[in-house]
Every structure is written in structure tokens, then in C-alpha cells.
C-alpha atoms as a PDB file:
ATOM      1  CA  MET A   1      11.234 -65.336 -70.837  1.00  0.00           C
ATOM      2  CA  LYS A   2      10.298 -68.329 -70.777  1.00  0.00           C
ATOM      3  CA  GLN A   3       6.358 -69.979 -70.700  1.00  0.00           C
ATOM      4  CA  ILE A   4       4.521 -73.545 -70.773  1.00  0.00           C
ATOM      5  CA  ILE A   5       0.819 -74.530 -70.751  1.00  0.00           C
ATOM      6  CA  GLY A   6      -0.329 -77.050 -68.456  1.00  0.00           C
ATOM      7  CA  LYS A   7      -3.440 -78.872 -66.865  1.00  0.00           C
ATOM      8  CA  LYS A   8      -3.912 -78.078 -62.969  1.00  0.00           C
ATOM      9  CA  ILE A   9      -4.296 -81.601 -61.133  1.00  0.00           C
ATOM     10  CA  GLY A  10      -4.852 -80.390 -57.936  1.00  0.00           C
ATOM     11  CA  MET A  11      -2.958 -79.472 -54.247  1.00  0.00           C
ATOM     12  CA  VAL A  12      -0.590 -82.287 -52.195  1.00  0.00           C
ATOM     13  CA  SER A  13       1.539 -81.475 -49.104  1.00  0.00           C
ATOM     14  CA  LEU A  14       5.006 -82.219 -49.096  1.00  0.00           C
ATOM     15  CA  PHE A  15       8.146 -81.939 -46.646  1.00  0.00           C
ATOM     16  CA  ASP A  16      11.300 -80.684 -46.966  1.00  0.00           C
ATOM     17  CA  ILE A  17      14.331 -82.497 -44.740  1.00  0.00           C
ATOM     18  CA  ASN A  18      13.780 -79.973 -41.580  1.00  0.00           C
ATOM     19  CA  GLY A  19      10.305 -81.581 -41.221  1.00  0.00           C
ATOM     20  CA  LYS A  20       8.277 -78.183 -42.825  1.00  0.00           C
ATOM     21  CA  ILE A  21       5.463 -78.411 -45.055  1.00  0.00           C
ATOM     22  CA  ILE A  22       4.975 -76.945 -48.212  1.00  0.00           C
ATOM     23  CA  PRO A  23       1.526 -76.497 -49.952  1.00  0.00           C
ATOM     24  CA  ALA A  24       2.185 -77.361 -53.495  1.00  0.00           C
ATOM     25  CA  THR A  25       0.125 -76.999 -56.554  1.00  0.00           C
ATOM     26  CA  ILE A  26       0.768 -80.429 -59.197  1.00  0.00           C
ATOM     27  CA  ILE A  27       0.733 -79.256 -62.863  1.00  0.00           C
ATOM     28  CA  TYR A  28       0.617 -81.739 -65.862  1.00  0.00           C
ATOM     29  CA  CYS A  29       2.616 -80.253 -68.563  1.00  0.00           C
ATOM     30  CA  GLU A  30       2.687 -82.438 -71.523  1.00  0.00           C
ATOM     31  CA  PRO A  31       5.511 -81.438 -74.174  1.00  0.00           C
ATOM     32  CA  ASN A  32       4.332 -78.031 -75.674  1.00  0.00           C
ATOM     33  CA  VAL A  33       4.975 -78.026 -79.491  1.00  0.00           C
ATOM     34  CA  VAL A  34       6.204 -75.197 -81.565  1.00  0.00           C
ATOM     35  CA  LEU A  35       3.364 -74.826 -84.634  1.00  0.00           C
ATOM     36  CA  GLU A  36       4.652 -71.546 -85.683  1.00  0.00           C
ATOM     37  CA  ASN A  37       7.595 -68.648 -85.237  1.00  0.00           C
ATOM     38  CA  LYS A  38       6.172 -65.658 -85.696  1.00  0.00           C
ATOM     39  CA  GLY A  39       9.054 -63.655 -85.330  1.00  0.00           C
ATOM     40  CA  LYS A  40      10.171 -60.907 -82.634  1.00  0.00           C
ATOM     41  CA  GLU A  41       7.575 -58.885 -81.520  1.00  0.00           C
ATOM     42  CA  ALA A  42       8.757 -55.015 -81.684  1.00  0.00           C
ATOM     43  CA  LYS A  43       7.017 -53.509 -78.029  1.00  0.00           C
ATOM     44  CA  HIS A  44       8.934 -56.344 -75.978  1.00  0.00           C
ATOM     45  CA  GLY A  45      11.993 -57.511 -78.017  1.00  0.00           C
ATOM     46  CA  ALA A  46      10.584 -61.474 -77.470  1.00  0.00           C
ATOM     47  CA  ASN A  47       9.796 -63.973 -80.121  1.00  0.00           C
ATOM     48  CA  LEU A  48       6.042 -65.288 -80.484  1.00  0.00           C
ATOM     49  CA  LEU A  49       5.192 -68.575 -81.023  1.00  0.00           C
ATOM     50  CA  LYS A  50       2.165 -70.011 -81.483  1.00  0.00           C
ATOM     51  CA  VAL A  51       1.975 -74.032 -80.066  1.00  0.00           C
ATOM     52  CA  GLY A  52       0.511 -76.731 -79.088  1.00  0.00           C
ATOM     53  CA  ALA A  53      -0.200 -78.813 -75.690  1.00  0.00           C
ATOM     54  CA  PHE A  54      -2.451 -81.917 -74.901  1.00  0.00           C
ATOM     55  CA  GLU A  55      -3.151 -84.232 -78.082  1.00  0.00           C
ATOM     56  CA  ALA A  56      -6.671 -84.530 -79.180  1.00  0.00           C
ATOM     57  CA  ASN A  57      -8.510 -87.127 -81.179  1.00  0.00           C
ATOM     58  CA  GLU A  58      -8.281 -85.900 -84.716  1.00  0.00           C
ATOM     59  CA  LYS A  59     -11.863 -87.666 -85.238  1.00  0.00           C
ATOM     60  CA  LYS A  60     -13.411 -84.489 -82.704  1.00  0.00           C
ATOM     61  CA  MET A  61     -11.934 -81.683 -84.716  1.00  0.00           C
ATOM     62  CA  ASN A  62     -13.389 -80.077 -87.355  1.00  0.00           C
ATOM     63  CA  LYS A  63     -11.261 -79.790 -91.054  1.00  0.00           C
ATOM     64  CA  ALA A  64     -10.128 -75.995 -90.359  1.00  0.00           C
ATOM     65  CA  GLU A  65      -8.535 -77.513 -87.212  1.00  0.00           C
ATOM     66  CA  ALA A  66      -7.116 -80.907 -88.220  1.00  0.00           C
ATOM     67  CA  GLY A  67      -5.741 -78.978 -90.872  1.00  0.00           C
ATOM     68  CA  ILE A  68      -3.808 -76.709 -89.090  1.00  0.00           C
ATOM     69  CA  PHE A  69      -1.552 -80.179 -88.273  1.00  0.00           C
ATOM     70  CA  LYS A  70      -1.888 -81.931 -91.053  1.00  0.00           C
ATOM     71  CA  LYS A  71      -0.017 -79.144 -92.600  1.00  0.00           C
ATOM     72  CA  LEU A  72       2.685 -79.230 -90.408  1.00  0.00           C
ATOM     73  CA  ASN A  73       2.680 -83.058 -90.327  1.00  0.00           C
ATOM     74  CA  LEU A  74       2.451 -83.051 -86.393  1.00  0.00           C
ATOM     75  CA  ALA A  75      -0.093 -84.909 -84.509  1.00  0.00           C
ATOM     76  CA  PRO A  76      -3.388 -82.696 -83.705  1.00  0.00           C
ATOM     77  CA  ASN A  77      -3.690 -80.667 -80.333  1.00  0.00           C
ATOM     78  CA  LYS A  78      -6.275 -79.377 -77.830  1.00  0.00           C
ATOM     79  CA  GLU A  79      -4.941 -76.351 -76.890  1.00  0.00           C
ATOM     80  CA  ILE A  80      -3.120 -73.848 -78.947  1.00  0.00           C
ATOM     81  CA  ARG A  81      -1.722 -70.280 -78.057  1.00  0.00           C
ATOM     82  CA  THR A  82       0.732 -67.675 -78.548  1.00  0.00           C
ATOM     83  CA  ILE A  83       3.332 -67.291 -76.411  1.00  0.00           C
ATOM     84  CA  LYS A  84       6.050 -64.316 -75.843  1.00  0.00           C
ATOM     85  CA  THR A  85       9.676 -66.384 -75.074  1.00  0.00           C
ATOM     86  CA  ASP A  86      13.521 -65.369 -75.496  1.00  0.00           C
ATOM     87  CA  GLN A  87      13.720 -69.141 -77.148  1.00  0.00           C
ATOM     88  CA  ASN A  88      14.295 -69.140 -81.284  1.00  0.00           C
ATOM     89  CA  LEU A  89      12.353 -72.321 -81.752  1.00  0.00           C
ATOM     90  CA  ASN A  90      11.187 -73.669 -85.252  1.00  0.00           C
ATOM     91  CA  VAL A  91       8.462 -75.692 -85.766  1.00  0.00           C
ATOM     92  CA  GLY A  92       8.261 -79.360 -84.148  1.00  0.00           C
ATOM     93  CA  ASP A  93      10.423 -78.122 -81.239  1.00  0.00           C
ATOM     94  CA  LYS A  94       9.684 -79.112 -77.966  1.00  0.00           C
ATOM     95  CA  ILE A  95       8.869 -77.129 -74.816  1.00  0.00           C
ATOM     96  CA  THR A  96       9.220 -79.246 -71.952  1.00  0.00           C
ATOM     97  CA  VAL A  97       8.917 -78.639 -68.130  1.00  0.00           C
ATOM     98  CA  ASP A  98      12.907 -79.122 -67.717  1.00  0.00           C
ATOM     99  CA  SER A  99      12.726 -75.364 -68.672  1.00  0.00           C
ATOM    100  CA  PHE A 100      12.056 -74.878 -65.278  1.00  0.00           C
ATOM    101  CA  VAL A 101      14.252 -75.414 -61.965  1.00  0.00           C
ATOM    102  CA  SER A 102      13.848 -75.519 -58.387  1.00  0.00           C
ATOM    103  CA  GLY A 103      13.693 -72.467 -56.353  1.00  0.00           C
ATOM    104  CA  GLU A 104      12.821 -70.559 -59.544  1.00  0.00           C
ATOM    105  CA  PHE A 105       9.923 -67.928 -59.104  1.00  0.00           C
ATOM    106  CA  VAL A 106       7.375 -68.070 -61.927  1.00  0.00           C
ATOM    107  CA  ASP A 107       3.905 -66.801 -62.517  1.00  0.00           C
ATOM    108  CA  VAL A 108       0.961 -68.630 -62.867  1.00  0.00           C
ATOM    109  CA  GLN A 109      -1.948 -67.676 -64.696  1.00  0.00           C
ATOM    110  CA  GLY A 110      -5.159 -69.284 -64.400  1.00  0.00           C
ATOM    111  CA  THR A 111      -9.462 -68.623 -65.023  1.00  0.00           C
ATOM    112  CA  THR A 112     -10.959 -68.448 -61.565  1.00  0.00           C
ATOM    113  CA  LYS A 113     -14.142 -70.694 -60.938  1.00  0.00           C
ATOM    114  CA  GLY A 114     -17.356 -69.448 -62.762  1.00  0.00           C
ATOM    115  CA  ARG A 115     -19.780 -68.802 -59.319  1.00  0.00           C
ATOM    116  CA  GLY A 116     -22.692 -67.991 -62.213  1.00  0.00           C
ATOM    117  CA  PHE A 117     -25.049 -64.769 -61.163  1.00  0.00           C
ATOM    118  CA  THR A 118     -24.645 -64.190 -57.030  1.00  0.00           C
ATOM    119  CA  GLY A 119     -25.465 -61.599 -54.731  1.00  0.00           C
ATOM    120  CA  ALA A 120     -23.817 -58.763 -53.629  1.00  0.00           C
ATOM    121  CA  ILE A 121     -23.205 -60.620 -49.922  1.00  0.00           C
ATOM    122  CA  PHE A 122     -20.990 -63.342 -51.568  1.00  0.00           C
ATOM    123  CA  ARG A 123     -19.937 -61.424 -54.458  1.00  0.00           C
ATOM    124  CA  TRP A 124     -18.607 -58.744 -52.582  1.00  0.00           C
ATOM    125  CA  ASN A 125     -18.509 -59.417 -48.939  1.00  0.00           C
ATOM    126  CA  LYS A 126     -20.764 -57.137 -48.198  1.00  0.00           C
ATOM    127  CA  LYS A 127     -22.781 -57.555 -44.265  1.00  0.00           C
ATOM    128  CA  ILE A 128     -26.227 -59.094 -43.873  1.00  0.00           C
ATOM    129  CA  GLY A 129     -29.271 -57.566 -42.414  1.00  0.00           C
ATOM    130  CA  PRO A 130     -30.293 -58.689 -38.455  1.00  0.00           C
ATOM    131  CA  MET A 131     -31.029 -62.069 -38.131  1.00  0.00           C
ATOM    132  CA  SER A 132     -34.008 -61.443 -35.522  1.00  0.00           C
ATOM    133  CA  HIS A 133     -37.310 -62.636 -35.677  1.00  0.00           C
ATOM    134  CA  GLY A 134     -39.958 -60.746 -37.608  1.00  0.00           C
ATOM    135  CA  HIS A 135     -37.604 -58.143 -39.479  1.00  0.00           C
ATOM    136  CA  GLY A 136     -38.719 -56.020 -41.771  1.00  0.00           C
ATOM    137  CA  TYR A 137     -37.161 -57.154 -45.147  1.00  0.00           C
ATOM    138  CA  PRO A 138     -35.172 -60.073 -46.130  1.00  0.00           C
ATOM    139  CA  HIS A 139     -31.828 -60.551 -44.508  1.00  0.00           C
ATOM    140  CA  ARG A 140     -29.658 -60.554 -47.199  1.00  0.00           C
ATOM    141  CA  TRP A 141     -31.008 -57.164 -49.204  1.00  0.00           C
ATOM    142  CA  GLN A 142     -28.153 -55.349 -50.063  1.00  0.00           C
ATOM    143  CA  GLY A 143     -29.704 -52.021 -48.432  1.00  0.00           C
ATOM    144  CA  SER A 144     -29.542 -48.381 -49.452  1.00  0.00           C
ATOM    145  CA  MET A 145     -28.337 -47.847 -52.877  1.00  0.00           C
ATOM    146  CA  ALA A 146     -29.300 -43.947 -53.813  1.00  0.00           C
ATOM    147  CA  SER A 147     -26.343 -41.596 -53.810  1.00  0.00           C
ATOM    148  CA  GLY A 148     -28.613 -37.981 -52.661  1.00  0.00           C
ATOM    149  CA  ARG A 149     -31.430 -36.347 -52.237  1.00  0.00           C
ATOM    150  CA  GLY A 150     -31.415 -34.372 -55.706  1.00  0.00           C
ATOM    151  CA  GLY A 151     -30.408 -31.572 -56.496  1.00  0.00           C
ATOM    152  CA  ALA A 152     -26.026 -31.673 -56.738  1.00  0.00           C
ATOM    153  CA  ALA A 153     -26.389 -35.253 -55.409  1.00  0.00           C
ATOM    154  CA  PRO A 154     -28.999 -37.031 -57.716  1.00  0.00           C
ATOM    155  CA  GLN A 155     -30.921 -40.007 -57.098  1.00  0.00           C
ATOM    156  CA  ARG A 156     -29.376 -43.027 -59.068  1.00  0.00           C
ATOM    157  CA  VAL A 157     -27.121 -45.589 -58.574  1.00  0.00           C
ATOM    158  CA  LYS A 158     -23.806 -44.448 -59.388  1.00  0.00           C
ATOM    159  CA  LYS A 159     -21.540 -46.199 -62.477  1.00  0.00           C
ATOM    160  CA  GLY A 160     -19.459 -49.246 -61.045  1.00  0.00           C
ATOM    161  CA  PHE A 161     -21.462 -49.415 -57.556  1.00  0.00           C
ATOM    162  CA  ARG A 162     -21.119 -53.009 -56.179  1.00  0.00           C
ATOM    163  CA  MET A 163     -24.103 -55.174 -56.764  1.00  0.00           C
ATOM    164  CA  ALA A 164     -25.044 -58.484 -57.354  1.00  0.00           C
ATOM    165  CA  GLY A 165     -23.889 -59.838 -61.097  1.00  0.00           C
ATOM    166  CA  HIS A 166     -22.042 -62.413 -62.504  1.00  0.00           C
ATOM    167  CA  TYR A 167     -18.933 -63.763 -60.424  1.00  0.00           C
ATOM    168  CA  GLY A 168     -15.742 -65.886 -61.182  1.00  0.00           C
ATOM    169  CA  ASN A 169     -15.017 -66.906 -64.527  1.00  0.00           C
ATOM    170  CA  GLU A 170     -11.643 -64.615 -64.997  1.00  0.00           C
ATOM    171  CA  ILE A 171      -8.414 -64.692 -65.940  1.00  0.00           C
ATOM    172  CA  GLN A 172      -5.874 -63.889 -62.974  1.00  0.00           C
ATOM    173  CA  THR A 173      -1.964 -64.028 -62.274  1.00  0.00           C
ATOM    174  CA  MET A 174      -0.355 -65.343 -59.232  1.00  0.00           C
ATOM    175  CA  GLN A 175       3.034 -63.843 -59.080  1.00  0.00           C
ATOM    176  CA  ASN A 176       6.143 -65.107 -57.816  1.00  0.00           C
ATOM    177  CA  LEU A 177       5.488 -68.682 -56.295  1.00  0.00           C
ATOM    178  CA  ASN A 178       8.284 -71.259 -56.298  1.00  0.00           C
ATOM    179  CA  VAL A 179       8.649 -73.914 -58.758  1.00  0.00           C
ATOM    180  CA  VAL A 180       9.353 -77.023 -56.022  1.00  0.00           C
ATOM    181  CA  PHE A 181      10.146 -79.699 -58.315  1.00  0.00           C
ATOM    182  CA  THR A 182      10.192 -80.721 -61.911  1.00  0.00           C
ATOM    183  CA  ASP A 183       9.670 -84.341 -62.721  1.00  0.00           C
ATOM    184  CA  VAL A 184      10.518 -84.743 -66.616  1.00  0.00           C
ATOM    185  CA  SER A 185       9.501 -88.326 -66.604  1.00  0.00           C
ATOM    186  CA  LYS A 186       6.103 -87.693 -65.512  1.00  0.00           C
ATOM    187  CA  ASN A 187       5.635 -84.166 -67.362  1.00  0.00           C
ATOM    188  CA  ILE A 188       4.914 -82.629 -63.386  1.00  0.00           C
ATOM    189  CA  ILE A 189       6.035 -79.427 -62.250  1.00  0.00           C
ATOM    190  CA  ALA A 190       5.061 -78.774 -58.231  1.00  0.00           C
ATOM    191  CA  ILE A 191       4.993 -74.685 -57.235  1.00  0.00           C
ATOM    192  CA  SER A 192       4.230 -73.802 -53.566  1.00  0.00           C
ATOM    193  CA  GLY A 193       1.246 -72.086 -53.200  1.00  0.00           C
ATOM    194  CA  SER A 194      -2.510 -71.959 -54.793  1.00  0.00           C
ATOM    195  CA  ILE A 195      -3.540 -71.685 -58.439  1.00  0.00           C
ATOM    196  CA  PRO A 196      -6.868 -70.042 -59.562  1.00  0.00           C
ATOM    197  CA  GLY A 197      -8.828 -72.350 -61.572  1.00  0.00           C
ATOM    198  CA  PRO A 198     -10.785 -76.026 -60.981  1.00  0.00           C
ATOM    199  CA  LYS A 199      -9.065 -79.537 -61.037  1.00  0.00           C
ATOM    200  CA  ARG A 200      -7.643 -79.818 -65.131  1.00  0.00           C
ATOM    201  CA  GLY A 201      -8.014 -76.390 -65.783  1.00  0.00           C
ATOM    202  CA  LEU A 202      -5.748 -74.621 -68.427  1.00  0.00           C
ATOM    203  CA  VAL A 203      -2.614 -72.903 -66.458  1.00  0.00           C
ATOM    204  CA  ILE A 204       0.190 -70.694 -68.552  1.00  0.00           C
ATOM    205  CA  ILE A 205       3.366 -70.929 -66.300  1.00  0.00           C
ATOM    206  CA  LYS A 206       5.608 -67.984 -67.212  1.00  0.00           C
ATOM    207  CA  GLU A 207       8.498 -66.888 -66.396  1.00  0.00           C
ATOM    208  CA  ALA A 208       8.576 -64.398 -63.153  1.00  0.00           C
ATOM    209  CA  ILE A 209       8.345 -60.667 -64.328  1.00  0.00           C
ATOM    210  CA  LYS A 210       9.209 -59.226 -60.753  1.00  0.00           C
ATOM    211  CA  PRO A 211      11.311 -62.181 -59.429  1.00  0.00           C
ATOM    212  CA  HIS A 212      12.722 -62.371 -56.004  1.00  0.00           C
ATOM    213  CA  LYS A 213      16.083 -63.190 -55.392  1.00  0.00           C
ATOM    214  CA  PRO A 214      16.257 -67.173 -56.204  1.00  0.00           C
ATOM    215  CA  LEU A 215      15.781 -69.855 -53.844  1.00  0.00           C
ATOM    216  CA  GLU A 216      18.040 -72.577 -52.923  1.00  0.00           C
ATOM    217  CA  ALA A 217      16.420 -76.089 -54.236  1.00  0.00           C
ATOM    218  CA  TYR A 218      14.173 -78.001 -52.254  1.00  0.00           C
ATOM    219  CA  LYS A 219      14.963 -81.437 -50.161  1.00  0.00           C
ATOM    220  CA  LEU A 220      11.910 -83.235 -50.184  1.00  0.00           C
ATOM    221  CA  ILE A 221      11.930 -86.010 -48.246  1.00  0.00           C
ATOM    222  CA  THR A 222       8.176 -87.225 -49.670  1.00  0.00           C
ATOM    223  CA  THR A 223       6.060 -86.597 -52.328  1.00  0.00           C
ATOM    224  CA  SER A 224       2.346 -87.894 -52.775  1.00  0.00           C
ATOM    225  CA  VAL A 225       2.043 -86.700 -56.543  1.00  0.00           C
ATOM    226  CA  GLN A 226       1.968 -90.191 -58.411  1.00  0.00           C
ATOM    227  CA  LYS A 227      -1.807 -91.384 -57.871  1.00  0.00           C
ATOM    228  CA  GLU A 228      -2.959 -87.705 -58.867  1.00  0.00           C
ATOM    229  CA  VAL A 229      -0.892 -87.655 -62.319  1.00  0.00           C
ATOM    230  CA  ALA A 230      -1.731 -91.181 -62.486  1.00  0.00           C
ATOM    231  CA  LYS A 231      -5.259 -90.564 -62.457  1.00  0.00           C
ATOM    232  CA  LEU A 232      -5.180 -87.565 -64.652  1.00  0.00           C
ATOM    233  CA  GLU A 233      -3.542 -89.071 -67.073  1.00  0.00           C
ATOM    234  CA  THR A 234      -6.514 -92.195 -67.633  1.00  0.00           C
ATOM    235  CA  ASP A 235      -8.731 -89.487 -67.664  1.00  0.00           C
ATOM    236  CA  GLU A 236      -7.107 -87.806 -70.483  1.00  0.00           C
ATOM    237  CA  LYS A 237      -7.088 -91.575 -72.414  1.00  0.00           C
ATOM    238  CA  GLY A 238     -10.487 -92.285 -71.530  1.00  0.00           C
ATOM    239  CA  GLY A 239     -11.542 -88.410 -73.061  1.00  0.00           C
ATOM    240  CA  ASN A 240      -9.664 -89.071 -76.103  1.00  0.00           C
ATOM    241  CA  GLU A 241     -10.971 -92.462 -77.308  1.00  0.00           C
END
């Protein structure tokens, strides 16, 4: 099992040698530094590694956070996560995008965009009311919610009923996405399809749990990711100053 932490840059259109368009998401993955090897997990038999990703400004960290990296004599990182891997790595070792190859299937975990408090129509795709003039109630009301008339079917809203409430900001995993290509020099990995979350949102790329048969490596004739990567790198440097 392989894993790496990255940031979503955005989506681009790529073309193979046959002219077929490939919608792909570009993910920026700085080398993940191993901070601790927790040993093997009894349940799955995989090594648990605490890793750090994306360099941070030590002045913007509290003493507890900065102390972790000072003790290990490593550069501070913004994100710290525990991942599972079959590799037995030591403190200070790095995990890079060349762990994944073109055509390989991966699962990508991200956090969906938060929509705040929303109505039932937007949250659950329910129907709106009649839009004609003079209708007796607001058009976007949810409608009847009672479950019965009393007795065996009491007049109450059943537990789990789809109503208005907080929508989004949930962890979601997209399974069996293809790795289109990796670029170690720019620390990027292109994955076919869409991935949940906003631009610069944190994502975790994992080796697929239920993989399909590996595909042949993509042979691309055009790429359009250099500007997006350069923009992200500029934003990251500006935020760490």
C-alpha cells in the first residue's frame, strides 16, 4: 500500500496520441518527510508512518508544533498525517510522486466544498412547488413532513428525514482513478477524472483497494499544467514569508 499527501491545483484537458481528450486533475505533492515509524498495525499488517508535508514558516507555529521538528532536526511542515504503507521507512526518509506510475489505479481522498446551511431543495435535490402567480405558499418550501395521523402512525418527523441543514465539508473518497503521468522535477501527479474539494485543498492519494486491471501508460502529446504549477508555487512562497 502506497500513500502520499498533496494539494489539488485544478483540472486541465490533456490529449493522447490518438487525439482523445482526458479530463485530469493536477495534484502538487512535495516530498512527504517521515517523522515517525509507529511499526506494524495488527489489524492490516501495514506500517503506520507519521509524515509531514509542505514546508512551513517556523515563526507562524506554536512552541509545541515547532518542538516536534526541532527534536528531529527537520524542517517544519504545515500538514502532519498518519498513513499506512508496506514500506519500512526511517525518520527523515521522503515519499515522492515517483511511487506511482502511469496507468496505475489509485483512490483519492479529499474534503468536499462547504456549502453552509442550505435548504432541502439544494441539499437533497427535492422538487420545488408550483411557480404560478398567486400560489398559496413559498415555492421552495419542503412540503409535508408528517408520517401519519396518530395511533400506529404518530404525527412526528421520523429520524433521518431529509431536511434543511449543513451541506458539504465532508470527507469523500473517489475510487479507481487512473494516474495519467507523474513529473518528479515539478512534484506533480495528474489523475484522470475529478476529485472532491476546492483548489489548494488537501488530498491523500492511496493505492487502490479494489483496483481494476492496470492500463497501458498514457502517451500524451500536449500538457497545460506548467502555468498552474508555477502559480501555486508562487502562492505557497508568499504565504510562508
